[in-house]
Amino acid sequence: MNSPSRKDRHEPLPVVAALILEGGKWLVAQRPAHKHLGGKWEFPGGKVDPGETAEHALVREIREELGCQIELLLALAPYDFDYGAVHIRLFPHVARLSVSGPRPVALEHVALQWLAAEDVACLDLAPADRPLLAQLPALAIQFSNAEDVRR
């Protein structure tokens, strides 16, 4: 007998998001108009493939969407968000760009911006990403020393 699919068991879809910090600013990406949540801003990331860890998925998604490499600094607590048509479990991670890698480019997004936490809060952000806003200022302070050490 086949085991029930994720949809049959009503399990949330695993999704990852990278909170990429550089110079006290966070990288946000604008979704294309033709995609779900078109025009909204998000922390870049995507779906976790079957058998893939959240960490591996995030590194892969950033390479595919932004053409760059990241170093994961901290896994934040995962949480569920229900969009109605789809229920996701978001696995957010704080990250930084790899020193030797290329700069991010919008390969699958309309635009990219580096913004301070208070400016990210003013964007039309994807609803699932909004709960992360409260953590951004403290995370920027916590990881500013990690950036200084790299330089």
Protein backbone atom coordinates (compact mmCIF):
# COMPACT_ATOMS: atom_id res chain seq x y z
CA MET A 1 0.00 0.00 0.00
CA ASN A 2 1.30 3.45 -0.85
CA SER A 3 1.87 5.89 1.95
CA PRO A 4 -0.32 9.01 1.89
CA SER A 5 1.13 12.05 0.16
CA ARG A 6 1.99 15.27 1.98
CA LYS A 7 -1.27 16.77 0.72
CA ASP A 8 -3.35 13.81 1.95
CA ARG A 9 -1.90 14.17 5.46
CA HIS A 10 -2.31 17.98 5.40
CA GLU A 11 1.35 18.47 6.23
CA PRO A 12 2.71 21.93 5.56
CA LEU A 13 4.93 22.46 2.52
CA PRO A 14 8.52 22.98 3.69
CA VAL A 15 9.91 26.32 2.49
CA VAL A 16 13.19 28.10 3.28
CA ALA A 17 14.06 31.80 3.48
CA ALA A 18 17.46 33.50 3.67
CA LEU A 19 17.79 36.64 5.75
CA ILE A 20 21.01 37.79 4.08
CA LEU A 21 22.77 40.55 5.99
CA GLU A 22 25.45 42.89 4.64
CA GLY A 23 26.54 46.19 6.13
CA GLY A 24 23.56 46.25 8.49
CA LYS A 25 21.11 45.85 5.59
CA TRP A 26 18.92 42.93 4.54
CA LEU A 27 18.51 41.60 1.01
CA VAL A 28 14.92 41.49 -0.21
CA ALA A 29 13.65 40.37 -3.60
CA GLN A 30 10.49 41.30 -5.51
CA ARG A 31 8.44 38.43 -6.93
CA PRO A 32 7.49 38.48 -10.62
CA ALA A 33 3.90 39.51 -11.40
CA HIS A 34 2.98 36.14 -12.95
CA LYS A 35 3.90 34.10 -9.83
CA HIS A 36 1.97 33.47 -6.63
CA LEU A 37 2.18 36.67 -4.54
CA GLY A 38 3.33 38.54 -7.64
CA GLY A 39 4.81 41.97 -6.95
CA LYS A 40 5.33 41.30 -3.26
CA TRP A 41 8.76 41.48 -1.66
CA GLU A 42 10.29 38.52 0.14
CA PHE A 43 13.36 37.15 1.75
CA PRO A 44 14.74 34.92 -1.03
CA GLY A 45 14.40 31.17 -0.79
CA GLY A 46 12.04 28.48 -1.98
CA LYS A 47 10.73 24.96 -1.60
CA VAL A 48 12.62 22.13 0.06
CA ASP A 49 12.85 19.14 -2.28
CA PRO A 50 12.00 15.66 -0.94
CA GLY A 51 14.98 14.19 0.93
CA GLU A 52 16.73 17.59 1.09
CA THR A 53 17.65 19.38 4.32
CA ALA A 54 16.48 22.94 4.83
CA GLU A 55 20.10 24.11 4.82
CA HIS A 56 20.93 22.39 1.54
CA ALA A 57 17.70 23.68 -0.02
CA LEU A 58 18.50 27.25 0.99
CA VAL A 59 22.02 27.19 -0.46
CA ARG A 60 20.63 25.64 -3.67
CA GLU A 61 17.72 28.10 -3.97
CA ILE A 62 19.99 31.14 -3.48
CA ARG A 63 22.42 29.83 -6.10
CA GLU A 64 19.51 29.29 -8.55
CA GLU A 65 17.60 32.52 -7.83
CA LEU A 66 20.44 34.96 -7.16
CA GLY A 67 23.50 33.34 -8.74
CA CYS A 68 25.54 33.71 -5.56
CA GLN A 69 26.76 31.69 -2.62
CA ILE A 70 25.87 32.19 1.02
CA GLU A 71 27.19 31.12 4.37
CA LEU A 72 24.49 30.16 6.87
CA LEU A 73 24.97 31.83 10.25
CA LEU A 74 21.91 30.89 12.30
CA ALA A 75 18.78 28.79 11.88
CA LEU A 76 15.80 30.63 13.32
CA ALA A 77 12.77 28.82 14.72
CA PRO A 78 10.59 27.40 11.95
CA TYR A 79 6.93 28.37 11.89
CA ASP A 80 3.77 27.58 9.94
CA PHE A 81 1.82 29.99 7.79
CA ASP A 82 -1.48 29.26 6.08
CA TYR A 83 -2.13 31.02 2.77
CA GLY A 84 -5.44 29.21 2.40
CA ALA A 85 -4.61 27.41 -0.85
CA VAL A 86 -1.26 26.31 0.59
CA HIS A 87 -0.01 25.81 4.13
CA ILE A 88 3.76 26.24 4.50
CA ARG A 89 6.33 25.59 7.21
CA LEU A 90 8.98 28.29 6.88
CA PHE A 91 12.58 27.53 7.87
CA PRO A 92 14.32 30.93 8.05
CA HIS A 93 18.09 31.26 8.32
CA VAL A 94 20.34 34.26 8.84
CA ALA A 95 23.08 34.23 6.22
CA ARG A 96 25.80 36.33 4.65
CA LEU A 97 27.28 36.35 1.18
CA SER A 98 30.38 34.23 0.64
CA VAL A 99 33.41 36.49 0.46
CA SER A 100 34.82 34.91 -2.70
CA GLY A 101 31.49 34.52 -4.51
CA PRO A 102 29.68 36.76 -7.01
CA ARG A 103 27.23 39.49 -6.01
CA PRO A 104 23.53 38.55 -6.09
CA VAL A 105 21.56 39.27 -9.26
CA ALA A 106 17.81 39.00 -9.86
CA LEU A 107 17.71 35.83 -11.97
CA GLU A 108 14.13 34.91 -10.96
CA HIS A 109 12.95 38.15 -9.35
CA VAL A 110 11.98 41.56 -10.71
CA ALA A 111 14.29 43.50 -8.39
CA LEU A 112 16.63 43.22 -5.40
CA GLN A 113 17.21 45.78 -2.64
CA TRP A 114 19.46 46.03 0.41
CA LEU A 115 17.42 47.73 3.14
CA ALA A 116 17.58 48.52 6.83
CA ALA A 117 15.06 46.65 8.98
CA GLU A 118 12.72 49.64 9.29
CA ASP A 119 12.66 50.02 5.50
CA VAL A 120 11.91 46.32 4.95
CA ALA A 121 8.91 46.79 7.26
CA CYS A 122 7.52 49.45 4.88
CA LEU A 123 7.49 47.12 1.87
CA ASP A 124 4.56 45.10 0.56
CA LEU A 125 6.16 41.99 2.06
CA ALA A 126 4.91 38.44 1.55
CA PRO A 127 2.65 37.69 4.53
CA ALA A 128 4.64 34.62 5.61
CA ASP A 129 7.78 36.78 5.93
CA ARG A 130 6.18 39.51 8.08
CA PRO A 131 6.65 37.62 11.39
CA LEU A 132 10.44 37.86 10.85
CA LEU A 133 10.43 41.67 10.90
CA ALA A 134 10.53 41.95 14.69
CA GLN A 135 13.77 39.95 14.83
CA LEU A 136 15.72 41.94 12.20
CA PRO A 137 17.11 44.79 14.37
CA ALA A 138 18.52 42.46 17.05
CA LEU A 139 19.91 40.05 14.43
CA ALA A 140 21.64 42.94 12.63
CA ILE A 141 23.36 43.91 15.89
CA GLN A 142 24.19 40.30 16.77
CA PHE A 143 25.83 39.58 13.43
CA SER A 144 27.46 42.97 12.75
CA ASN A 145 30.56 41.68 14.55
CA ALA A 146 30.67 38.64 12.27
CA GLU A 147 30.75 41.01 9.28
CA ASP A 148 33.55 43.08 10.80
CA VAL A 149 35.68 39.97 11.36
CA ARG A 150 35.33 38.99 7.70
CA ARG A 151 36.62 42.31 6.37
